[in-house]
Amino acid sequence: MRTNFLKFLTILAIGAAVVSCKKKADEAVTTDAAEVATSEVAATKYMANATESVIEWTGYKPTGKHNGTIKIETGVFTVNDGTLETGSFIIDMNSLSDSEANAKLEGHLKSADFFDVEKHASAAFEVTGFEMVDGKSMLSGNLTLKDVKNNVTFPVTTTEDGDTFTLTSEMFTIDRSKWNVQYGSKSFFDDLGDKFINDDIELKVTVKAKKS
């Protein structure tokens, strides 16, 4: 009986180790804002389709997580010989939603505590670079959120199919404190105990665009 009990404890320990070692999405390399990319005359222009373009988000705290979506309002990209050259898109912060339709949470995220949507109804992303690194396509761009602009780099997949251009990122994280989103952040407050909210926000960007 003791042997069986010890085996049971071993299985529990292994399971706990597997859960604790689950890899989170890598944080996007974040630097000062950079010069926006330019395109060649021969590049093909694509306009984002707002109904098929979205940003998925996940936020974490000690007691769990929340996730939802934010809509992309407009966007334009130029592609030359299959390679993304330039691009930008506007993010509709008023569309920020929680997957469980939690109106209280959505209202709090839109308040001055977090993204202050009344003053900052839009966020923006502008492409500054696109290159292959270790076999992955890495997209760099200036992300403007709450009037704070930083450059972020993260892995993406891009495809051209007829008149359609699709850009899909891998899941990546940004550190919200770098955009001055302070509520519940241990980067700004040292007396939160276990009432903090993680600075890292996981994001996945999907943009579908049509040739213009």
N, C-alpha and C. Protein backbone atom coordinates (compact mmCIF):
# COMPACT_ATOMS: atom_id res chain seq x y z
N MET A 1 0.83 -1.21 0.00
CA MET A 1 0.00 0.00 0.00
C MET A 1 0.87 1.26 0.00
N ARG A 2 1.94 1.24 0.86
CA ARG A 2 2.85 2.39 0.91
C ARG A 2 3.51 2.63 -0.44
N THR A 3 3.88 1.54 -1.15
CA THR A 3 4.51 1.66 -2.47
C THR A 3 3.57 2.32 -3.46
N ASN A 4 2.32 1.91 -3.44
CA ASN A 4 1.33 2.50 -4.35
C ASN A 4 1.12 3.99 -4.06
N PHE A 5 1.14 4.33 -2.75
CA PHE A 5 0.96 5.73 -2.37
C PHE A 5 2.13 6.58 -2.86
N LEU A 6 3.35 6.04 -2.72
CA LEU A 6 4.53 6.75 -3.20
C LEU A 6 4.49 6.94 -4.71
N LYS A 7 4.02 5.93 -5.43
CA LYS A 7 3.89 6.04 -6.88
C LYS A 7 2.91 7.14 -7.24
N PHE A 8 1.80 7.21 -6.47
CA PHE A 8 0.78 8.23 -6.72
C PHE A 8 1.36 9.63 -6.53
N LEU A 9 2.14 9.81 -5.44
CA LEU A 9 2.77 11.10 -5.20
C LEU A 9 3.74 11.47 -6.30
N THR A 10 4.47 10.47 -6.82
CA THR A 10 5.41 10.71 -7.90
C THR A 10 4.71 11.19 -9.15
N ILE A 11 3.57 10.56 -9.47
CA ILE A 11 2.79 10.96 -10.64
C ILE A 11 2.29 12.39 -10.49
N LEU A 12 1.82 12.73 -9.28
CA LEU A 12 1.35 14.09 -9.04
C LEU A 12 2.48 15.10 -9.21
N ALA A 13 3.66 14.76 -8.71
CA ALA A 13 4.80 15.66 -8.81
C ALA A 13 5.20 15.88 -10.26
N ILE A 14 5.21 14.81 -11.06
CA ILE A 14 5.55 14.93 -12.47
C ILE A 14 4.53 15.80 -13.19
N GLY A 15 3.23 15.58 -12.89
CA GLY A 15 2.18 16.38 -13.51
C GLY A 15 2.31 17.84 -13.19
N ALA A 16 2.64 18.14 -11.92
CA ALA A 16 2.81 19.54 -11.51
C ALA A 16 3.99 20.18 -12.23
N ALA A 17 5.06 19.40 -12.41
CA ALA A 17 6.24 19.93 -13.10
C ALA A 17 5.92 20.24 -14.54
N VAL A 18 5.14 19.39 -15.20
CA VAL A 18 4.78 19.61 -16.60
C VAL A 18 3.97 20.88 -16.73
N VAL A 19 2.99 21.08 -15.81
CA VAL A 19 2.16 22.27 -15.87
C VAL A 19 2.99 23.52 -15.65
N SER A 20 3.89 23.49 -14.62
CA SER A 20 4.67 24.67 -14.29
C SER A 20 5.67 25.02 -15.37
N CYS A 21 6.07 24.03 -16.18
CA CYS A 21 7.07 24.28 -17.22
C CYS A 21 6.45 24.65 -18.56
N LYS A 22 5.12 24.76 -18.60
CA LYS A 22 4.46 25.12 -19.85
C LYS A 22 5.01 26.44 -20.36
N LYS A 23 5.47 26.46 -21.58
CA LYS A 23 6.15 27.63 -22.14
C LYS A 23 5.15 28.71 -22.54
N LYS A 24 5.38 29.91 -22.04
CA LYS A 24 4.56 31.04 -22.46
C LYS A 24 5.09 31.59 -23.77
N ALA A 25 4.26 32.35 -24.45
CA ALA A 25 4.70 32.97 -25.70
C ALA A 25 5.86 33.91 -25.42
N ASP A 26 6.81 33.94 -26.36
CA ASP A 26 7.98 34.80 -26.20
C ASP A 26 7.57 36.27 -26.22
N GLU A 27 8.27 37.08 -25.44
CA GLU A 27 8.02 38.52 -25.46
C GLU A 27 8.63 39.13 -26.72
N ALA A 28 7.88 39.98 -27.37
CA ALA A 28 8.39 40.67 -28.55
C ALA A 28 9.58 41.54 -28.14
N VAL A 29 10.63 41.52 -28.95
CA VAL A 29 11.74 42.43 -28.72
C VAL A 29 11.22 43.86 -28.82
N THR A 30 11.41 44.65 -27.77
CA THR A 30 10.84 45.98 -27.71
C THR A 30 11.95 47.03 -27.58
N THR A 31 11.94 48.00 -28.47
CA THR A 31 12.95 49.05 -28.48
C THR A 31 12.27 50.40 -28.73
N ASP A 32 13.08 51.45 -28.81
CA ASP A 32 12.53 52.76 -29.16
C ASP A 32 11.92 52.72 -30.56
N ALA A 33 10.99 53.62 -30.82
CA ALA A 33 10.35 53.70 -32.13
C ALA A 33 11.41 53.89 -33.22
N ALA A 34 11.13 53.29 -34.39
CA ALA A 34 12.08 53.32 -35.51
C ALA A 34 11.45 53.99 -36.72
N GLU A 35 12.27 54.24 -37.73
CA GLU A 35 11.79 54.86 -38.96
C GLU A 35 10.89 53.90 -39.71
N VAL A 36 9.80 54.40 -40.23
CA VAL A 36 8.82 53.58 -40.94
C VAL A 36 9.38 53.15 -42.29
N ALA A 37 9.08 51.90 -42.69
CA ALA A 37 9.57 51.36 -43.95
C ALA A 37 8.95 52.08 -45.15
N THR A 38 9.65 52.05 -46.29
CA THR A 38 9.14 52.61 -47.54
C THR A 38 9.05 51.51 -48.58
N SER A 39 8.25 51.74 -49.62
CA SER A 39 8.03 50.71 -50.63
C SER A 39 8.52 51.16 -52.00
N GLU A 40 8.74 50.15 -52.86
CA GLU A 40 9.11 50.42 -54.25
C GLU A 40 7.86 50.72 -55.07
N VAL A 41 8.04 51.40 -56.17
CA VAL A 41 6.91 51.79 -57.02
C VAL A 41 6.16 50.57 -57.52
N ALA A 42 6.90 49.47 -57.78
CA ALA A 42 6.29 48.27 -58.38
C ALA A 42 5.50 47.43 -57.37
N ALA A 43 5.50 47.79 -56.11
CA ALA A 43 4.85 46.98 -55.08
C ALA A 43 3.33 46.95 -55.28
N THR A 44 2.73 45.84 -54.88
CA THR A 44 1.28 45.66 -54.95
C THR A 44 0.65 46.09 -53.64
N LYS A 45 -0.43 46.87 -53.72
CA LYS A 45 -1.09 47.38 -52.52
C LYS A 45 -2.29 46.51 -52.15
N TYR A 46 -2.41 46.24 -50.85
CA TYR A 46 -3.54 45.49 -50.31
C TYR A 46 -4.19 46.29 -49.20
N MET A 47 -5.52 46.27 -49.16
CA MET A 47 -6.28 46.96 -48.12
C MET A 47 -6.88 45.94 -47.17
N ALA A 48 -6.73 46.17 -45.86
CA ALA A 48 -7.21 45.23 -44.85
C ALA A 48 -8.73 45.10 -44.88
N ASN A 49 -9.20 43.88 -44.69
CA ASN A 49 -10.63 43.60 -44.58
C ASN A 49 -10.97 43.58 -43.09
N ALA A 50 -11.68 44.59 -42.63
CA ALA A 50 -11.95 44.75 -41.20
C ALA A 50 -12.75 43.60 -40.61
N THR A 51 -13.61 42.99 -41.40
CA THR A 51 -14.45 41.91 -40.87
C THR A 51 -13.68 40.61 -40.67
N GLU A 52 -12.50 40.48 -41.30
CA GLU A 52 -11.72 39.26 -41.18
C GLU A 52 -10.38 39.47 -40.48
N SER A 53 -10.17 40.65 -39.94
CA SER A 53 -8.90 40.99 -39.29
C SER A 53 -9.14 41.21 -37.80
N VAL A 54 -8.27 40.64 -36.97
CA VAL A 54 -8.53 40.67 -35.52
C VAL A 54 -7.23 40.48 -34.76
N ILE A 55 -7.22 40.98 -33.53
CA ILE A 55 -6.14 40.71 -32.59
C ILE A 55 -6.73 39.94 -31.41
N GLU A 56 -6.19 38.78 -31.13
CA GLU A 56 -6.60 37.99 -29.97
C GLU A 56 -5.67 38.31 -28.81
N TRP A 57 -6.22 38.48 -27.61
CA TRP A 57 -5.41 38.83 -26.44
C TRP A 57 -5.70 37.92 -25.26
N THR A 58 -4.69 37.76 -24.41
CA THR A 58 -4.85 37.03 -23.16
C THR A 58 -4.05 37.74 -22.07
N GLY A 59 -4.71 38.01 -20.94
CA GLY A 59 -4.05 38.62 -19.79
C GLY A 59 -4.08 37.67 -18.60
N TYR A 60 -3.06 37.76 -17.74
CA TYR A 60 -2.91 36.80 -16.65
C TYR A 60 -2.84 37.50 -15.30
N LYS A 61 -3.35 36.81 -14.28
CA LYS A 61 -3.19 37.21 -12.89
C LYS A 61 -3.06 35.93 -12.06
N PRO A 62 -2.66 36.02 -10.78
CA PRO A 62 -2.42 34.80 -10.00
C PRO A 62 -3.62 33.85 -9.94
N THR A 63 -4.82 34.38 -10.01
CA THR A 63 -6.01 33.54 -9.87
C THR A 63 -6.57 33.04 -11.20
N GLY A 64 -5.90 33.36 -12.30
CA GLY A 64 -6.41 32.88 -13.59
C GLY A 64 -6.05 33.80 -14.74
N LYS A 65 -6.89 33.80 -15.76
CA LYS A 65 -6.62 34.61 -16.94
C LYS A 65 -7.92 35.05 -17.58
N HIS A 66 -7.81 36.05 -18.43
CA HIS A 66 -8.93 36.50 -19.27
C HIS A 66 -8.43 36.61 -20.70
N ASN A 67 -9.32 36.40 -21.64
CA ASN A 67 -8.93 36.55 -23.04
C ASN A 67 -10.10 37.10 -23.85
N GLY A 68 -9.76 37.64 -25.01
CA GLY A 68 -10.78 38.22 -25.86
C GLY A 68 -10.19 38.68 -27.17
N THR A 69 -10.83 39.66 -27.79
CA THR A 69 -10.40 40.14 -29.10
C THR A 69 -10.47 41.67 -29.17
N ILE A 70 -9.74 42.21 -30.15
CA ILE A 70 -9.82 43.62 -30.52
C ILE A 70 -9.85 43.67 -32.04
N LYS A 71 -10.71 44.50 -32.59
CA LYS A 71 -10.85 44.56 -34.04
C LYS A 71 -9.84 45.51 -34.68
N ILE A 72 -9.44 45.15 -35.88
CA ILE A 72 -8.60 46.04 -36.69
C ILE A 72 -9.53 46.83 -37.60
N GLU A 73 -9.45 48.14 -37.50
CA GLU A 73 -10.41 49.02 -38.19
C GLU A 73 -10.05 49.22 -39.66
N THR A 74 -8.81 49.59 -39.94
CA THR A 74 -8.34 49.81 -41.31
C THR A 74 -6.88 49.38 -41.39
N GLY A 75 -6.41 49.19 -42.61
CA GLY A 75 -5.01 48.84 -42.78
C GLY A 75 -4.63 48.80 -44.25
N VAL A 76 -3.35 48.97 -44.52
CA VAL A 76 -2.85 48.89 -45.89
C VAL A 76 -1.45 48.29 -45.86
N PHE A 77 -1.15 47.44 -46.86
CA PHE A 77 0.16 46.80 -46.98
C PHE A 77 0.63 46.87 -48.42
N THR A 78 1.94 46.91 -48.59
CA THR A 78 2.50 46.77 -49.93
C THR A 78 3.42 45.56 -49.94
N VAL A 79 3.32 44.79 -51.03
CA VAL A 79 4.07 43.55 -51.17
C VAL A 79 4.79 43.57 -52.50
N ASN A 80 6.06 43.22 -52.51
CA ASN A 80 6.87 43.22 -53.73
C ASN A 80 7.52 41.86 -53.89
N ASP A 81 7.14 41.15 -54.95
CA ASP A 81 7.70 39.83 -55.25
C ASP A 81 7.57 38.89 -54.05
N GLY A 82 6.40 38.91 -53.42
CA GLY A 82 6.12 38.02 -52.32
C GLY A 82 6.63 38.48 -50.97
N THR A 83 7.32 39.61 -50.91
CA THR A 83 7.90 40.10 -49.66
C THR A 83 7.17 41.35 -49.18
N LEU A 84 6.76 41.34 -47.93
CA LEU A 84 6.12 42.51 -47.35
C LEU A 84 7.12 43.67 -47.27
N GLU A 85 6.72 44.82 -47.80
CA GLU A 85 7.61 45.99 -47.76
C GLU A 85 7.16 47.02 -46.74
N THR A 86 5.89 47.39 -46.81
CA THR A 86 5.38 48.40 -45.89
C THR A 86 4.00 47.98 -45.40
N GLY A 87 3.54 48.66 -44.37
CA GLY A 87 2.20 48.36 -43.89
C GLY A 87 1.88 49.14 -42.63
N SER A 88 0.59 49.28 -42.39
CA SER A 88 0.13 49.90 -41.16
C SER A 88 -1.32 49.49 -40.95
N PHE A 89 -1.73 49.48 -39.69
CA PHE A 89 -3.16 49.26 -39.42
C PHE A 89 -3.55 49.99 -38.15
N ILE A 90 -4.84 50.34 -38.12
CA ILE A 90 -5.43 51.04 -36.98
C ILE A 90 -6.25 50.06 -36.17
N ILE A 91 -6.08 50.09 -34.86
CA ILE A 91 -6.75 49.18 -33.94
C ILE A 91 -7.88 49.92 -33.24
N ASP A 92 -9.08 49.40 -33.32
CA ASP A 92 -10.26 50.03 -32.71
C ASP A 92 -10.35 49.62 -31.24
N MET A 93 -9.85 50.46 -30.33
CA MET A 93 -9.82 50.09 -28.92
C MET A 93 -11.22 50.00 -28.31
N ASN A 94 -12.19 50.68 -28.90
CA ASN A 94 -13.57 50.57 -28.41
C ASN A 94 -14.15 49.18 -28.64
N SER A 95 -13.53 48.42 -29.55
CA SER A 95 -14.03 47.07 -29.85
C SER A 95 -13.47 46.02 -28.90
N LEU A 96 -12.61 46.42 -27.97
CA LEU A 96 -12.01 45.47 -27.03
C LEU A 96 -13.10 44.70 -26.31
N SER A 97 -13.03 43.37 -26.40
CA SER A 97 -14.08 42.55 -25.78
C SER A 97 -13.48 41.36 -25.06
N ASP A 98 -14.21 40.88 -24.07
CA ASP A 98 -13.84 39.70 -23.30
C ASP A 98 -14.60 38.51 -23.85
N SER A 99 -13.95 37.35 -23.92
CA SER A 99 -14.57 36.17 -24.53
C SER A 99 -15.83 35.70 -23.79
N GLU A 100 -15.93 36.07 -22.51
CA GLU A 100 -17.10 35.68 -21.73
C GLU A 100 -18.14 36.80 -21.65
N ALA A 101 -17.93 37.84 -22.46
CA ALA A 101 -18.86 38.98 -22.50
C ALA A 101 -19.07 39.58 -21.11
N ASN A 102 -17.98 39.68 -20.36
CA ASN A 102 -18.02 40.25 -19.02
C ASN A 102 -18.00 41.78 -19.13
N ALA A 103 -19.17 42.38 -19.04
CA ALA A 103 -19.30 43.83 -19.26
C ALA A 103 -18.49 44.62 -18.23
N LYS A 104 -18.44 44.15 -16.98
CA LYS A 104 -17.69 44.85 -15.94
C LYS A 104 -16.20 44.86 -16.28
N LEU A 105 -15.67 43.71 -16.71
CA LEU A 105 -14.26 43.63 -17.08
C LEU A 105 -13.97 44.49 -18.30
N GLU A 106 -14.82 44.41 -19.31
CA GLU A 106 -14.61 45.21 -20.52
C GLU A 106 -14.59 46.70 -20.18
N GLY A 107 -15.51 47.13 -19.31
CA GLY A 107 -15.57 48.52 -18.92
C GLY A 107 -14.31 48.94 -18.17
N HIS A 108 -13.80 48.05 -17.32
CA HIS A 108 -12.58 48.37 -16.57
C HIS A 108 -11.37 48.47 -17.50
N LEU A 109 -11.26 47.56 -18.45
CA LEU A 109 -10.14 47.60 -19.39
C LEU A 109 -10.17 48.86 -20.25
N LYS A 110 -11.36 49.36 -20.53
CA LYS A 110 -11.48 50.56 -21.36
C LYS A 110 -11.33 51.85 -20.54
N SER A 111 -11.33 51.72 -19.23
CA SER A 111 -11.26 52.90 -18.35
C SER A 111 -9.84 53.45 -18.28
N ALA A 112 -9.70 54.56 -17.57
CA ALA A 112 -8.39 55.20 -17.41
C ALA A 112 -7.42 54.32 -16.63
N ASP A 113 -7.92 53.34 -15.89
CA ASP A 113 -7.03 52.40 -15.18
C ASP A 113 -6.14 51.64 -16.15
N PHE A 114 -6.69 51.31 -17.32
CA PHE A 114 -5.95 50.51 -18.28
C PHE A 114 -5.68 51.30 -19.56
N PHE A 115 -6.58 51.21 -20.55
CA PHE A 115 -6.28 51.74 -21.88
C PHE A 115 -6.93 53.10 -22.18
N ASP A 116 -7.72 53.61 -21.25
CA ASP A 116 -8.27 54.97 -21.34
C ASP A 116 -8.84 55.24 -22.74
N VAL A 117 -9.79 54.39 -23.13
CA VAL A 117 -10.32 54.42 -24.49
C VAL A 117 -11.05 55.72 -24.81
N GLU A 118 -11.59 56.37 -23.80
CA GLU A 118 -12.27 57.65 -24.05
C GLU A 118 -11.31 58.68 -24.64
N LYS A 119 -10.06 58.67 -24.19
CA LYS A 119 -9.05 59.60 -24.69
C LYS A 119 -8.24 59.00 -25.84
N HIS A 120 -8.14 57.69 -25.86
CA HIS A 120 -7.29 57.01 -26.86
C HIS A 120 -8.11 55.92 -27.55
N ALA A 121 -9.01 56.35 -28.43
CA ALA A 121 -9.94 55.42 -29.07
C ALA A 121 -9.27 54.47 -30.05
N SER A 122 -8.08 54.84 -30.52
CA SER A 122 -7.37 54.02 -31.50
C SER A 122 -5.95 53.76 -31.06
N ALA A 123 -5.44 52.61 -31.43
CA ALA A 123 -4.02 52.30 -31.34
C ALA A 123 -3.55 52.06 -32.77
N ALA A 124 -2.24 52.01 -32.99
CA ALA A 124 -1.74 51.89 -34.37
C ALA A 124 -0.46 51.07 -34.42
N PHE A 125 -0.27 50.43 -35.57
CA PHE A 125 0.96 49.68 -35.84
C PHE A 125 1.46 50.09 -37.22
N GLU A 126 2.78 50.42 -37.31
CA GLU A 126 3.40 50.81 -38.58
C GLU A 126 4.63 49.94 -38.81
N VAL A 127 4.70 49.30 -39.95
CA VAL A 127 5.83 48.42 -40.26
C VAL A 127 7.12 49.22 -40.41
N THR A 128 8.17 48.74 -39.75
CA THR A 128 9.50 49.35 -39.90
C THR A 128 10.51 48.40 -40.51
N GLY A 129 10.19 47.10 -40.53
CA GLY A 129 11.13 46.14 -41.10
C GLY A 129 10.53 44.75 -41.20
N PHE A 130 11.09 43.96 -42.11
CA PHE A 130 10.62 42.59 -42.33
C PHE A 130 11.82 41.79 -42.82
N GLU A 131 12.24 40.76 -42.07
CA GLU A 131 13.42 39.99 -42.46
C GLU A 131 13.33 38.56 -41.96
N MET A 132 14.14 37.70 -42.58
CA MET A 132 14.22 36.30 -42.16
C MET A 132 15.31 36.17 -41.10
N VAL A 133 14.97 35.53 -39.98
CA VAL A 133 15.93 35.28 -38.91
C VAL A 133 15.79 33.83 -38.47
N ASP A 134 16.85 33.05 -38.67
CA ASP A 134 16.83 31.62 -38.29
C ASP A 134 15.64 30.89 -38.87
N GLY A 135 15.33 31.20 -40.14
CA GLY A 135 14.25 30.50 -40.83
C GLY A 135 12.86 31.03 -40.54
N LYS A 136 12.74 32.10 -39.73
CA LYS A 136 11.43 32.68 -39.42
C LYS A 136 11.33 34.08 -40.00
N SER A 137 10.13 34.43 -40.46
CA SER A 137 9.87 35.80 -40.92
C SER A 137 9.57 36.66 -39.70
N MET A 138 10.40 37.69 -39.49
CA MET A 138 10.25 38.56 -38.33
C MET A 138 9.76 39.93 -38.77
N LEU A 139 8.66 40.34 -38.20
CA LEU A 139 8.06 41.63 -38.51
C LEU A 139 8.37 42.63 -37.40
N SER A 140 8.85 43.79 -37.77
CA SER A 140 9.10 44.86 -36.80
C SER A 140 8.20 46.05 -37.12
N GLY A 141 7.73 46.71 -36.08
CA GLY A 141 6.89 47.87 -36.32
C GLY A 141 6.71 48.71 -35.06
N ASN A 142 6.32 49.95 -35.27
CA ASN A 142 6.04 50.85 -34.15
C ASN A 142 4.60 50.63 -33.69
N LEU A 143 4.45 50.23 -32.44
CA LEU A 143 3.12 50.07 -31.84
C LEU A 143 2.85 51.27 -30.96
N THR A 144 1.80 52.03 -31.30
CA THR A 144 1.40 53.20 -30.53
C THR A 144 0.16 52.86 -29.72
N LEU A 145 0.28 52.99 -28.42
CA LEU A 145 -0.80 52.66 -27.49
C LEU A 145 -0.80 53.72 -26.39
N LYS A 146 -1.93 54.37 -26.18
CA LYS A 146 -2.04 55.46 -25.20
C LYS A 146 -0.99 56.55 -25.46
N ASP A 147 -0.76 56.85 -26.72
CA ASP A 147 0.18 57.89 -27.13
C ASP A 147 1.64 57.56 -26.80
N VAL A 148 1.92 56.32 -26.44
CA VAL A 148 3.29 55.86 -26.23
C VAL A 148 3.66 54.96 -27.41
N LYS A 149 4.81 55.23 -28.00
CA LYS A 149 5.22 54.49 -29.20
C LYS A 149 6.52 53.72 -28.92
N ASN A 150 6.47 52.40 -29.12
CA ASN A 150 7.64 51.54 -29.02
C ASN A 150 7.70 50.63 -30.24
N ASN A 151 8.89 50.20 -30.57
CA ASN A 151 9.06 49.26 -31.68
C ASN A 151 9.08 47.83 -31.15
N VAL A 152 8.31 46.96 -31.80
CA VAL A 152 8.24 45.56 -31.39
C VAL A 152 8.56 44.66 -32.59
N THR A 153 9.16 43.51 -32.30
CA THR A 153 9.51 42.54 -33.34
C THR A 153 8.98 41.16 -32.93
N PHE A 154 8.27 40.49 -33.85
CA PHE A 154 7.68 39.20 -33.54
C PHE A 154 7.55 38.37 -34.83
N PRO A 155 7.44 37.04 -34.70
CA PRO A 155 7.38 36.18 -35.88
C PRO A 155 6.00 36.15 -36.53
N VAL A 156 6.00 36.14 -37.86
CA VAL A 156 4.74 36.11 -38.61
C VAL A 156 4.85 35.15 -39.80
N THR A 157 3.70 34.83 -40.34
CA THR A 157 3.60 34.11 -41.61
C THR A 157 2.81 34.99 -42.57
N THR A 158 3.30 35.15 -43.79
CA THR A 158 2.57 35.93 -44.79
C THR A 158 2.34 35.09 -46.03
N THR A 159 1.17 35.25 -46.65
CA THR A 159 0.85 34.52 -47.87
C THR A 159 0.11 35.42 -48.84
N GLU A 160 0.38 35.22 -50.13
CA GLU A 160 -0.40 35.84 -51.21
C GLU A 160 -1.15 34.74 -51.94
N ASP A 161 -2.44 34.90 -52.09
CA ASP A 161 -3.26 33.91 -52.77
C ASP A 161 -4.27 34.64 -53.64
N GLY A 162 -3.94 34.75 -54.93
CA GLY A 162 -4.80 35.52 -55.83
C GLY A 162 -4.80 36.98 -55.44
N ASP A 163 -5.97 37.50 -55.13
CA ASP A 163 -6.10 38.91 -54.75
C ASP A 163 -6.04 39.11 -53.24
N THR A 164 -5.68 38.07 -52.49
CA THR A 164 -5.70 38.14 -51.03
C THR A 164 -4.30 38.04 -50.44
N PHE A 165 -4.05 38.90 -49.48
CA PHE A 165 -2.81 38.85 -48.70
C PHE A 165 -3.18 38.61 -47.24
N THR A 166 -2.51 37.63 -46.61
CA THR A 166 -2.79 37.30 -45.21
C THR A 166 -1.52 37.38 -44.39
N LEU A 167 -1.62 38.06 -43.27
CA LEU A 167 -0.52 38.13 -42.30
C LEU A 167 -1.03 37.55 -40.99
N THR A 168 -0.33 36.54 -40.48
CA THR A 168 -0.70 35.92 -39.21
C THR A 168 0.53 35.83 -38.33
N SER A 169 0.44 36.36 -37.13
CA SER A 169 1.57 36.28 -36.22
C SER A 169 1.49 35.01 -35.40
N GLU A 170 2.63 34.58 -34.88
CA GLU A 170 2.63 33.61 -33.81
C GLU A 170 2.15 34.33 -32.55
N MET A 171 1.76 33.58 -31.53
CA MET A 171 1.43 34.21 -30.26
C MET A 171 2.70 34.82 -29.68
N PHE A 172 2.62 36.08 -29.27
CA PHE A 172 3.76 36.75 -28.66
C PHE A 172 3.25 37.62 -27.51
N THR A 173 4.16 38.13 -26.69
CA THR A 173 3.73 38.98 -25.60
C THR A 173 4.33 40.37 -25.71
N ILE A 174 3.61 41.33 -25.15
CA ILE A 174 4.17 42.66 -24.94
C ILE A 174 4.08 42.97 -23.44
N ASP A 175 4.99 43.80 -22.97
CA ASP A 175 5.00 44.23 -21.57
C ASP A 175 4.23 45.54 -21.49
N ARG A 176 3.03 45.49 -20.94
CA ARG A 176 2.14 46.66 -20.94
C ARG A 176 2.74 47.85 -20.20
N SER A 177 3.64 47.59 -19.25
CA SER A 177 4.22 48.70 -18.50
C SER A 177 5.02 49.64 -19.40
N LYS A 178 5.51 49.11 -20.53
CA LYS A 178 6.29 49.94 -21.46
C LYS A 178 5.40 50.91 -22.22
N TRP A 179 4.08 50.72 -22.13
CA TRP A 179 3.12 51.65 -22.73
C TRP A 179 2.34 52.38 -21.63
N ASN A 180 2.90 52.38 -20.44
CA ASN A 180 2.34 53.13 -19.31
C ASN A 180 0.94 52.67 -18.91
N VAL A 181 0.69 51.37 -19.04
CA VAL A 181 -0.56 50.79 -18.54
C VAL A 181 -0.26 50.28 -17.13
N GLN A 182 -0.66 51.02 -16.11
CA GLN A 182 -0.12 50.85 -14.77
C GLN A 182 -0.95 50.00 -13.82
N TYR A 183 -2.23 49.90 -14.02
CA TYR A 183 -3.11 49.30 -13.00
C TYR A 183 -2.66 47.88 -12.63
N GLY A 184 -2.48 47.64 -11.33
CA GLY A 184 -2.14 46.31 -10.84
C GLY A 184 -0.77 45.81 -11.26
N SER A 185 0.11 46.71 -11.69
CA SER A 185 1.42 46.31 -12.20
C SER A 185 2.49 46.42 -11.12
N LYS A 186 3.25 45.36 -10.93
CA LYS A 186 4.35 45.40 -9.96
C LYS A 186 5.51 46.25 -10.45
N SER A 187 5.47 46.66 -11.71
CA SER A 187 6.49 47.57 -12.22
C SER A 187 6.30 48.99 -11.66
N PHE A 188 5.07 49.29 -11.18
CA PHE A 188 4.77 50.63 -10.67
C PHE A 188 4.43 50.63 -9.18
N PHE A 189 3.93 49.50 -8.67
CA PHE A 189 3.48 49.43 -7.28
C PHE A 189 4.13 48.24 -6.59
N ASP A 190 4.65 48.46 -5.37
CA ASP A 190 5.35 47.39 -4.67
C ASP A 190 4.58 46.83 -3.48
N ASP A 191 3.31 47.20 -3.33
CA ASP A 191 2.52 46.76 -2.18
C ASP A 191 1.28 45.97 -2.59
N LEU A 192 1.38 45.28 -3.72
CA LEU A 192 0.19 44.61 -4.27
C LEU A 192 -0.03 43.21 -3.70
N GLY A 193 1.00 42.61 -3.12
CA GLY A 193 0.87 41.23 -2.64
C GLY A 193 0.51 40.32 -3.79
N ASP A 194 -0.55 39.51 -3.59
CA ASP A 194 -0.99 38.61 -4.67
C ASP A 194 -2.14 39.22 -5.47
N LYS A 195 -2.33 40.53 -5.34
CA LYS A 195 -3.41 41.21 -6.05
C LYS A 195 -2.94 41.85 -7.36
N PHE A 196 -1.76 41.46 -7.80
CA PHE A 196 -1.21 42.06 -9.01
C PHE A 196 -1.79 41.42 -10.27
N ILE A 197 -1.58 42.10 -11.39
CA ILE A 197 -1.93 41.57 -12.73
C ILE A 197 -0.64 41.55 -13.53
N ASN A 198 -0.36 40.46 -14.20
CA ASN A 198 0.89 40.34 -14.95
C ASN A 198 1.04 41.46 -15.97
N ASP A 199 2.28 41.92 -16.14
CA ASP A 199 2.55 42.93 -17.15
C ASP A 199 2.44 42.37 -18.57
N ASP A 200 2.77 41.11 -18.73
CA ASP A 200 2.76 40.50 -20.06
C ASP A 200 1.34 40.28 -20.57
N ILE A 201 1.08 40.73 -21.78
CA ILE A 201 -0.18 40.46 -22.47
C ILE A 201 0.15 39.65 -23.72
N GLU A 202 -0.48 38.49 -23.86
CA GLU A 202 -0.26 37.68 -25.06
C GLU A 202 -1.15 38.20 -26.20
N LEU A 203 -0.56 38.27 -27.39
CA LEU A 203 -1.29 38.75 -28.55
C LEU A 203 -1.08 37.82 -29.74
N LYS A 204 -2.09 37.74 -30.58
CA LYS A 204 -1.96 37.08 -31.88
C LYS A 204 -2.69 37.93 -32.90
N VAL A 205 -1.97 38.35 -33.92
CA VAL A 205 -2.51 39.27 -34.93
C VAL A 205 -2.83 38.51 -36.21
N THR A 206 -4.04 38.71 -36.72
CA THR A 206 -4.42 38.14 -38.03
C THR A 206 -5.00 39.26 -38.88
N VAL A 207 -4.38 39.51 -40.02
CA VAL A 207 -4.88 40.54 -40.95
C VAL A 207 -5.07 39.90 -42.32
N LYS A 208 -6.27 40.05 -42.85
CA LYS A 208 -6.55 39.62 -44.22
C LYS A 208 -6.85 40.85 -45.05
N ALA A 209 -6.21 40.93 -46.21
CA ALA A 209 -6.33 42.13 -47.03
C ALA A 209 -6.58 41.75 -48.50
N LYS A 210 -7.26 42.67 -49.19
CA LYS A 210 -7.58 42.47 -50.61
C LYS A 210 -6.78 43.43 -51.48
N LYS A 211 -6.41 42.95 -52.65
CA LYS A 211 -5.65 43.79 -53.59
C LYS A 211 -6.50 45.00 -53.98
N SER A 212 -5.89 46.17 -53.95
CA SER A 212 -6.66 47.37 -54.28
C SER A 212 -6.37 47.83 -55.71
